[in-house]
Protein backbone atom coordinates (compact mmCIF):
# COMPACT_ATOMS: atom_id res chain seq x y z
CA MET A 1 40.10 273.37 -66.45
CA ARG A 2 38.02 271.00 -68.29
CA ILE A 3 35.22 272.33 -70.52
CA LEU A 4 32.51 270.78 -72.13
CA GLY A 5 31.61 272.57 -75.54
CA ILE A 6 28.07 272.40 -77.11
CA GLU A 7 27.27 273.59 -80.69
CA THR A 8 23.72 273.48 -82.12
CA SER A 9 23.58 276.81 -84.05
CA CYS A 10 22.34 275.08 -87.42
CA ASP A 11 22.27 271.47 -88.53
CA ASP A 12 25.41 270.04 -87.00
CA THR A 13 25.08 268.69 -83.47
CA GLY A 14 28.47 269.12 -81.76
CA ALA A 15 30.04 268.33 -78.31
CA ALA A 16 33.64 268.51 -77.22
CA VAL A 17 35.87 268.32 -74.23
CA ILE A 18 39.03 270.69 -74.08
CA GLU A 19 41.34 270.83 -71.08
CA ASP A 20 43.34 274.14 -70.92
CA GLY A 21 43.18 274.68 -74.66
CA ARG A 22 43.92 270.98 -75.65
CA ILE A 23 41.30 268.91 -77.40
CA LEU A 24 40.26 265.56 -75.57
CA ALA A 25 37.25 264.81 -77.71
CA ASN A 26 35.30 266.54 -80.40
CA ILE A 27 32.24 264.84 -81.73
CA VAL A 28 30.02 266.15 -84.53
CA ALA A 29 26.74 264.42 -85.63
CA ALA A 30 25.50 265.63 -89.24
CA GLN A 31 21.99 265.82 -89.91
CA ASP A 32 21.48 263.80 -93.22
CA ILE A 33 17.81 264.61 -93.46
CA HIS A 34 18.28 267.95 -94.94
CA VAL A 35 19.93 266.65 -98.00
CA GLU A 36 16.79 265.77 -99.78
CA TYR A 37 15.66 269.35 -99.34
CA GLY A 38 18.76 270.96 -100.75
CA GLY A 39 19.20 273.07 -97.74
CA VAL A 40 18.49 273.19 -93.94
CA VAL A 41 14.95 272.93 -92.70
CA PRO A 42 14.87 274.80 -89.25
CA GLU A 43 12.13 272.83 -87.78
CA LEU A 44 13.80 269.62 -88.64
CA ALA A 45 17.06 270.77 -87.44
CA SER A 46 15.93 271.55 -84.03
CA ARG A 47 14.08 268.41 -83.49
CA ALA A 48 17.01 266.33 -84.58
CA HIS A 49 19.32 268.30 -82.03
CA ILE A 50 16.89 267.09 -79.22
CA THR A 51 17.60 263.49 -80.17
CA LEU A 52 21.17 263.74 -81.03
CA LEU A 53 22.60 266.04 -78.44
CA PRO A 54 22.51 263.59 -75.32
CA ARG A 55 24.22 260.95 -77.45
CA VAL A 56 26.83 263.30 -78.62
CA VAL A 57 27.63 264.53 -75.23
CA GLU A 58 27.96 261.05 -73.91
CA GLU A 59 30.40 260.08 -76.78
CA ALA A 60 32.44 263.02 -76.18
CA LEU A 61 32.82 262.16 -72.50
CA ARG A 62 33.47 258.58 -73.32
CA THR A 63 36.09 259.60 -75.87
CA ALA A 64 37.77 261.78 -73.45
CA SER A 65 37.60 259.10 -70.63
CA LEU A 66 35.90 261.44 -68.37
CA THR A 67 32.60 261.60 -66.38
CA ILE A 68 30.33 264.37 -66.33
CA ASP A 69 31.43 264.98 -62.55
CA GLN A 70 34.94 265.80 -63.99
CA ILE A 71 33.70 268.65 -66.12
CA ASP A 72 34.41 272.17 -64.65
CA ALA A 73 32.22 274.31 -66.93
CA VAL A 74 29.99 274.29 -69.90
CA ALA A 75 30.22 276.50 -72.86
CA VAL A 76 27.50 276.71 -75.50
CA THR A 77 26.51 278.77 -78.69
CA LEU A 78 24.42 281.68 -77.67
CA GLY A 79 24.11 282.90 -81.43
CA PRO A 80 23.99 283.72 -84.05
CA GLY A 81 22.03 280.95 -85.63
CA LEU A 82 18.61 279.27 -85.97
CA VAL A 83 16.74 280.14 -82.84
CA GLY A 84 15.06 276.72 -82.29
CA SER A 85 18.44 275.01 -82.86
CA LEU A 86 20.28 277.39 -80.46
CA LEU A 87 17.63 276.91 -77.71
CA VAL A 88 18.20 273.16 -77.66
CA GLY A 89 21.93 273.50 -76.96
CA ILE A 90 21.28 276.47 -74.47
CA GLU A 91 18.70 274.66 -72.43
CA PHE A 92 20.78 271.48 -72.13
CA ALA A 93 23.76 273.53 -71.06
CA LYS A 94 21.69 275.42 -68.45
CA GLY A 95 20.38 272.20 -67.06
CA LEU A 96 23.71 270.52 -66.93
CA ALA A 97 25.34 273.56 -65.18
CA MET A 98 22.56 273.88 -62.74
CA ALA A 99 22.46 270.02 -61.82
CA ARG A 100 26.34 269.91 -61.49
CA ASN A 101 26.73 273.48 -59.82
CA ILE A 102 29.18 274.46 -62.44
CA PRO A 103 29.60 277.64 -64.26
CA TRP A 104 28.28 278.07 -67.82
CA VAL A 105 29.18 280.64 -70.57
CA GLY A 106 27.46 281.72 -73.63
CA VAL A 107 29.61 282.00 -76.77
CA ASN A 108 29.29 283.96 -80.18
CA HIS A 109 29.44 281.40 -82.73
CA VAL A 110 31.35 283.61 -85.25
CA GLU A 111 34.02 284.55 -82.72
CA ALA A 112 34.50 280.91 -81.89
CA HIS A 113 35.27 280.38 -85.55
CA LEU A 114 37.84 283.03 -85.45
CA VAL A 115 39.86 281.50 -82.59
CA SER A 116 39.45 277.97 -83.74
CA ALA A 117 42.88 277.68 -85.56
CA GLY A 118 44.50 278.40 -82.19
CA LEU A 119 43.50 274.82 -81.16
CA GLU A 120 46.13 273.45 -83.44
CA SER A 121 48.71 275.97 -83.89
CA GLU A 122 49.73 279.41 -82.46
CA LEU A 123 47.37 282.25 -83.29
CA MET A 124 48.54 285.38 -81.48
CA PRO A 125 47.00 288.84 -81.99
CA PRO A 126 47.11 290.98 -83.88
CA TYR A 127 45.69 289.11 -86.68
CA ILE A 128 43.17 289.54 -89.68
CA GLY A 129 40.60 286.96 -89.60
CA MET A 130 37.85 285.85 -91.94
CA VAL A 131 34.85 283.60 -91.23
CA ALA A 132 33.49 282.25 -94.59
CA SER A 133 30.62 279.70 -94.33
CA GLY A 134 27.11 279.07 -95.52
CA GLY A 135 25.76 281.69 -93.24
CA HIS A 136 28.71 284.14 -92.69
CA THR A 137 31.35 285.93 -94.75
CA GLU A 138 32.76 288.53 -92.42
CA ILE A 139 36.29 289.92 -91.81
CA TYR A 140 37.78 290.89 -88.43
CA HIS A 141 40.64 292.58 -86.95
CA VAL A 142 41.78 291.09 -83.75
CA PRO A 143 44.25 293.45 -82.08
CA GLU A 144 44.31 291.62 -78.61
CA PRO A 145 42.73 288.41 -77.09
CA GLY A 146 39.02 288.67 -76.82
CA VAL A 147 38.85 291.89 -78.80
CA PHE A 148 37.06 291.38 -82.32
CA HIS A 149 36.41 294.31 -84.57
CA ARG A 150 34.43 293.54 -87.71
CA ILE A 151 35.83 295.33 -90.56
CA GLY A 152 33.87 294.01 -93.35
CA SER A 153 31.17 291.59 -94.19
CA THR A 154 28.83 290.49 -97.12
CA ARG A 155 25.94 292.81 -97.86
CA ASP A 156 23.85 289.90 -99.29
CA ASP A 157 24.80 286.29 -99.76
CA ALA A 158 27.53 284.44 -97.88
CA ALA A 159 30.27 282.73 -99.78
CA GLY A 160 29.20 279.28 -98.69
CA GLU A 161 25.63 280.06 -99.83
CA ALA A 162 26.96 281.09 -103.25
CA PHE A 163 28.93 277.77 -103.35
CA ASP A 164 25.77 275.72 -102.51
CA LYS A 165 23.14 277.73 -104.49
CA ILE A 166 25.24 277.74 -107.68
CA GLY A 167 26.07 273.93 -107.03
CA LYS A 168 22.51 273.19 -106.83
CA LEU A 169 21.80 274.85 -110.21
CA MET A 170 24.69 272.73 -111.48
CA GLY A 171 22.94 269.67 -110.12
CA LEU A 172 25.34 268.90 -107.34
CA GLU A 173 24.19 267.39 -104.07
CA TYR A 174 23.83 269.58 -101.06
CA PRO A 175 26.04 270.90 -99.54
CA ALA A 176 27.86 271.61 -102.81
CA GLY A 177 31.07 273.06 -101.60
CA PRO A 178 33.03 269.98 -101.32
CA HIS A 179 31.74 268.69 -104.69
CA MET A 180 32.62 271.94 -106.25
CA ASP A 181 36.25 271.83 -104.71
CA ARG A 182 36.66 268.23 -106.18
CA LEU A 183 35.49 269.24 -109.68
CA ALA A 184 37.31 272.53 -109.69
CA ARG A 185 40.67 270.75 -109.10
CA GLU A 186 40.61 269.32 -112.71
CA GLY A 187 38.76 272.15 -114.31
CA ARG A 188 39.87 275.27 -116.23
CA ASP A 189 39.04 278.62 -114.45
CA ASP A 190 38.73 280.60 -117.58
CA GLN A 191 36.09 278.90 -119.61
CA VAL A 192 33.04 280.86 -118.01
CA PRO A 193 32.96 284.53 -117.74
CA LEU A 194 31.69 285.48 -114.58
CA PRO A 195 31.61 288.81 -112.51
CA ARG A 196 33.65 289.67 -109.41
CA GLY A 197 31.48 291.51 -106.85
CA ARG A 198 33.65 294.52 -106.13
CA LEU A 199 31.78 297.40 -104.28
CA LYS A 200 32.67 300.83 -104.83
CA GLY A 201 33.72 303.21 -102.19
CA ASP A 202 35.96 302.90 -99.16
CA THR A 203 34.76 299.58 -97.94
CA LEU A 204 35.79 295.97 -97.10
CA ASP A 205 32.36 294.62 -97.53
CA LEU A 206 31.63 291.93 -100.11
CA SER A 207 28.69 290.96 -102.34
CA MET A 208 27.95 287.65 -103.85
CA SER A 209 24.38 288.15 -105.27
CA GLY A 210 25.58 289.54 -108.60
CA LEU A 211 27.82 286.29 -109.20
CA LYS A 212 24.90 284.13 -108.06
CA THR A 213 22.67 285.91 -110.59
CA ALA A 214 25.12 285.68 -113.50
CA ALA A 215 25.77 282.10 -112.81
CA LYS A 216 21.90 281.38 -112.73
CA LEU A 217 21.46 283.01 -116.13
CA PHE A 218 24.40 281.31 -117.62
CA LEU A 219 23.40 277.78 -116.33
CA GLU A 220 19.75 278.28 -117.68
CA LYS A 221 21.35 278.26 -121.13
CA GLU A 222 23.67 275.30 -120.72
CA PRO A 223 22.63 272.11 -122.44
CA ARG A 224 21.31 269.41 -120.05
CA PRO A 225 22.60 267.11 -118.80
CA ILE A 226 25.78 268.85 -118.03
CA GLN A 227 28.66 266.55 -118.91
CA GLU A 228 31.49 265.93 -116.34
CA PRO A 229 34.47 267.83 -118.31
CA ARG A 230 32.03 270.97 -118.47
CA LEU A 231 31.05 270.71 -115.01
CA ARG A 232 34.67 270.90 -113.93
CA ASP A 233 35.10 273.93 -115.91
CA ILE A 234 32.14 275.66 -114.43
CA ALA A 235 33.13 274.73 -111.09
CA ALA A 236 36.60 276.01 -111.47
CA SER A 237 35.26 279.27 -112.89
CA VAL A 238 32.78 279.75 -110.01
CA GLU A 239 35.39 278.91 -107.55
CA LYS A 240 38.00 281.47 -108.79
CA ALA A 241 35.24 284.09 -108.89
CA ILE A 242 34.51 283.71 -105.28
CA VAL A 243 37.97 283.26 -104.02
CA ASP A 244 39.26 286.28 -105.99
CA VAL A 245 37.04 288.62 -104.06
CA LEU A 246 37.65 286.93 -100.82
CA VAL A 247 41.45 287.20 -101.05
CA GLU A 248 41.38 290.71 -102.55
CA ARG A 249 39.41 291.91 -99.41
CA LEU A 250 41.92 290.19 -97.02
CA GLY A 251 44.66 291.90 -98.86
CA GLN A 252 43.16 295.33 -98.44
CA ALA A 253 42.41 294.37 -94.83
CA LEU A 254 46.03 293.78 -94.26
CA ASP A 255 46.83 297.04 -95.82
CA ARG A 256 44.80 298.89 -93.29
CA TYR A 257 45.36 297.06 -90.03
CA PRO A 258 48.54 295.82 -88.27
CA ALA A 259 48.75 292.13 -88.34
CA GLN A 260 51.27 289.21 -87.70
CA ALA A 261 48.89 286.49 -88.98
CA LEU A 262 46.04 285.69 -91.24
CA THR A 263 43.33 283.15 -90.48
CA ILE A 264 40.38 281.94 -92.33
CA ALA A 265 37.69 279.72 -90.55
CA GLY A 266 34.31 278.23 -91.31
CA GLY A 267 33.29 275.67 -93.86
CA CYS A 268 34.81 277.51 -96.87
CA ALA A 269 38.17 277.45 -95.14
CA CYS A 270 38.29 273.85 -96.43
CA ASN A 271 38.46 274.90 -99.99
CA THR A 272 41.65 274.03 -101.55
CA LEU A 273 42.08 277.22 -103.82
CA LEU A 274 41.00 279.54 -100.96
CA ARG A 275 43.86 278.08 -98.78
CA GLN A 276 46.31 278.29 -101.51
CA GLU A 277 45.66 281.81 -102.43
CA ALA A 278 45.41 283.03 -98.83
CA THR A 279 48.82 281.34 -97.91
CA ARG A 280 50.42 283.12 -100.77
CA LEU A 281 48.99 286.30 -99.83
CA ALA A 282 50.23 285.84 -96.24
CA GLN A 283 53.65 284.84 -97.55
CA SER A 284 53.87 288.07 -99.68
CA ARG A 285 53.38 289.92 -96.38
CA ASN A 286 55.83 287.85 -94.44
CA ILE A 287 53.19 286.81 -91.76
CA ALA A 288 51.67 283.57 -90.75
CA ALA A 289 48.76 281.88 -92.35
CA ARG A 290 46.70 279.77 -89.95
CA PHE A 291 43.82 277.57 -90.88
CA PRO A 292 41.83 275.09 -88.74
CA SER A 293 41.93 271.47 -90.03
CA PRO A 294 38.78 270.51 -91.90
CA LYS A 295 37.16 268.94 -88.80
CA LEU A 296 37.42 272.28 -87.09
CA CYS A 297 36.20 274.19 -90.20
CA ARG A 298 32.70 272.84 -89.78
CA ASP A 299 30.57 273.81 -86.88
CA ASN A 300 31.92 271.85 -83.76
CA GLY A 301 31.95 271.93 -79.94
CA ALA A 302 35.80 272.27 -79.79
CA MET A 303 35.77 275.82 -80.96
CA ILE A 304 32.82 276.66 -78.64
CA ALA A 305 34.75 275.13 -75.58
CA HIS A 306 37.90 277.15 -76.70
CA ALA A 307 36.15 280.38 -76.99
CA GLY A 308 34.51 279.55 -73.56
CA TRP A 309 37.81 278.92 -72.00
CA PHE A 310 39.18 282.22 -72.97
CA ALA A 311 35.84 283.91 -71.56
CA LEU A 312 36.15 281.86 -68.30
CA GLN A 313 39.74 283.08 -67.89
CA ARG A 314 38.39 286.60 -68.24
CA GLY A 315 36.14 285.96 -65.34
CA GLU A 316 32.99 285.99 -67.58
CA ARG A 317 29.94 283.99 -66.49
CA THR A 318 26.52 283.79 -68.01
CA PRO A 319 23.27 284.16 -66.02
CA PHE A 320 20.54 281.52 -66.23
CA SER A 321 18.26 284.29 -67.60
CA ALA A 322 20.23 284.44 -70.85
CA THR A 323 18.63 282.94 -74.01
CA ALA A 324 19.18 282.32 -77.66
CA ILE A 325 20.07 285.60 -79.77
CA ALA A 326 19.59 284.38 -83.35
CA ASN A 327 21.00 287.56 -84.77
CA LEU A 328 23.73 288.23 -82.45
CA ASP A 329 26.15 290.67 -83.69
CA SER A 330 29.93 290.49 -83.11
CA PHE A 331 29.83 294.05 -81.39
CA GLU A 332 26.89 292.85 -79.12
CA ALA A 333 27.90 292.18 -75.76
CA LEU A 334 26.89 288.79 -74.24
CA PRO A 335 24.68 288.59 -71.07
CA ALA A 336 27.00 288.79 -68.06
């Protein structure tokens, strides 16, 4: 089965073709217009998707050496995400499916991230998975294929948002995560005292707002311009504070739920320290650590097609009456 996957949940326009779980093409167009604003502008994002999506789909088909007539089904992000951006991809997928008389299936964006490592390596349930990005920081237990139990999530800011907002205060370009990672590699992580967001009680939830506030208050007192050596130390300290909490929660999840693997997906899964510490955690439990390659950590059509492939194998189809669900929850059943 050849599936065209379409991803337009935020500011990356993605289209990919997979065949029975194997990537034939995976094209992502970034929307650079948001850099000057220091964050995603929803209206600009949806307009850019309208322009970019047809081109990205054409490039994906060309890369896969296929025509649209050789596509068997279409998978598209139904939510969560920016409603205007989601609608661009959904209506494109509907039109394509209707014109070609092929099935289409709506996909949960977060669950697609969770299974993305399976495109490149074996990822068999049961496993513990974390999706850490600019919009999500959630922990799941996956006891069997297609079953996702959310067992923890951020109560305020996502890990990626903390990286980006603190990075902006440091004077780094948006998105700040990659720049923070680069600087932190040469910095000392014990030079800036920063809190760890450890919530009280029996919970696997996380909080990043306290760290963000503490970093803001600290940086307001820092002499400007901040010199490169100092930036490295600040970046390393911020990174360590975020990663400590994420890995600690993953360890607690492994204490509570049976798992033979640990996976982290989403933009933050590119972070060097997070990968190192999560790998160390997995090794200490004698389980596998599975991470998508960087190209699959960002929002992309391949993970949508992959999740759609599983859904289609289960016999799922999405009606043409379905529409965008901006706040789609992982527990919420998709239209059938």
